[in-house]
Protein backbone atom coordinates (compact mmCIF):
# COMPACT_ATOMS: atom_id res chain seq x y z
CA MET A 1 67.55 35.46 -5.11
CA THR A 2 65.53 33.71 -7.80
CA ARG A 3 61.75 33.73 -7.93
CA VAL A 4 59.37 30.88 -8.62
CA PRO A 5 59.19 30.56 -12.42
CA PRO A 6 55.91 32.11 -13.67
CA ALA A 7 55.26 29.04 -15.84
CA LEU A 8 54.76 26.99 -12.64
CA LEU A 9 52.11 29.35 -11.23
CA ARG A 10 49.24 28.00 -13.34
CA HIS A 11 46.24 29.19 -11.28
CA ARG A 12 44.82 32.65 -10.58
CA ILE A 13 43.54 33.62 -7.13
CA MET A 14 42.18 36.78 -5.51
CA VAL A 15 43.54 37.95 -2.14
CA GLU A 16 41.98 40.38 0.35
CA PRO A 17 44.76 41.06 2.93
CA TYR A 18 43.62 40.93 6.55
CA ALA A 19 43.85 44.34 8.29
CA GLY A 20 42.63 43.42 11.80
CA GLU A 21 39.39 43.46 13.74
CA GLY A 22 37.01 46.41 13.70
CA ALA A 23 33.72 47.23 15.35
CA TYR A 24 31.88 45.05 12.82
CA GLY A 25 34.30 42.13 12.61
CA ALA A 26 37.26 41.38 10.36
CA GLN A 27 38.56 44.23 8.22
CA TYR A 28 40.35 43.72 4.90
CA ARG A 29 42.56 45.99 2.79
CA HIS A 30 42.46 46.45 -1.00
CA VAL A 31 41.60 43.44 -3.16
CA ILE A 32 44.53 41.99 -5.10
CA PRO A 33 42.99 40.40 -8.22
CA ASP A 34 44.52 37.86 -10.60
CA VAL A 35 47.43 36.67 -8.41
CA PRO A 36 49.45 33.89 -10.10
CA ALA A 37 49.67 30.85 -7.82
CA LEU A 38 49.92 27.09 -7.75
CA VAL A 39 47.00 25.64 -5.75
CA ASP A 40 47.08 22.17 -4.17
CA ALA A 41 43.57 21.25 -2.99
CA SER A 42 44.60 18.17 -0.98
CA PRO A 43 43.90 18.40 2.76
CA ARG A 44 46.72 18.41 5.30
CA LEU A 45 47.13 19.11 9.00
CA VAL A 46 48.72 22.47 9.96
CA ARG A 47 49.30 24.25 13.25
CA ALA A 48 47.83 27.76 13.52
CA ALA A 49 49.66 30.62 15.25
CA ASP A 50 47.62 30.05 18.43
CA GLY A 51 48.69 26.37 18.60
CA ARG A 52 45.47 24.79 17.30
CA GLN A 53 45.78 21.95 14.80
CA ILE A 54 43.58 22.65 11.78
CA THR A 55 42.98 20.70 8.59
CA ALA A 56 43.96 22.93 5.69
CA SER A 57 41.68 22.39 2.69
CA ALA A 58 44.17 23.93 0.25
CA THR A 59 47.80 25.02 0.10
CA LEU A 60 49.05 27.56 -2.39
CA ILE A 61 52.44 28.71 -3.59
CA ALA A 62 52.87 32.26 -4.93
CA GLY A 63 55.63 34.77 -5.54
CA PRO A 64 57.81 35.95 -2.64
CA THR A 65 56.17 39.40 -2.47
CA LEU A 66 52.59 38.17 -1.89
CA ASP A 67 50.78 40.41 0.64
CA CYS A 68 48.72 37.79 2.52
CA PRO A 69 48.92 37.86 6.33
CA PRO A 70 47.15 35.09 8.30
CA GLY A 71 43.41 35.79 8.36
CA SER A 72 43.35 37.08 4.77
CA ARG A 73 40.40 36.11 2.58
CA ILE A 74 41.35 34.17 -0.56
CA THR A 75 39.18 33.26 -3.53
CA LEU A 76 40.47 30.06 -5.16
CA PRO A 77 40.25 29.29 -8.91
CA ASP A 78 37.10 27.17 -8.39
CA GLY A 79 35.33 30.19 -6.83
CA ARG A 80 35.53 28.91 -3.25
CA THR A 81 36.41 31.55 -0.63
CA THR A 82 38.75 30.51 2.18
CA THR A 83 40.90 32.05 4.91
CA ALA A 84 44.70 31.97 5.27
CA ILE A 85 45.75 29.96 8.35
CA THR A 86 49.53 30.09 8.07
CA VAL A 87 51.88 31.99 5.78
CA ALA A 88 55.53 31.01 5.23
CA HIS A 89 58.02 33.01 3.18
CA HIS A 90 60.69 30.65 1.83
CA THR A 91 64.07 32.09 0.87
CA ALA A 92 67.53 30.59 0.50
CA PRO A 93 70.02 33.40 -0.14
CA GLY A 94 73.03 32.18 -2.08
CA LEU A 95 71.42 28.87 -3.05
CA PRO A 96 69.85 28.05 -6.42
CA VAL A 97 66.40 27.66 -4.83
CA SER A 98 63.37 29.73 -5.79
CA ALA A 99 61.95 32.17 -3.25
CA CYS A 100 58.20 31.84 -2.71
CA THR A 101 55.32 32.29 -0.29
CA GLU A 102 53.40 29.24 0.94
CA VAL A 103 49.88 29.75 2.33
CA ALA A 104 47.78 27.08 4.06
CA CYS A 105 44.04 27.82 3.79
CA GLU A 106 41.03 26.70 5.87
């Protein structure tokens, strides 16, 4: 399996993986700083896990091992903080296609 070439991941983001709900609201695990990613800030319509249609304000592509479940808090390169709506891990075993993680953000 090949990975997305690092030269294509031109942006740096910060990810706080979602850990669930606690007594005081959303809980997050350790902060993952300086994650290489490719950020596309154009809006698009996505369907959340609960079936709602939401306009994603940004979509990012990162390496296949990114720890970013839906609900994770993400800081984009421009300093804006957003939340992961959907996360898709793309693989194609046996094909010359790069493996990656695609995240649609609120």
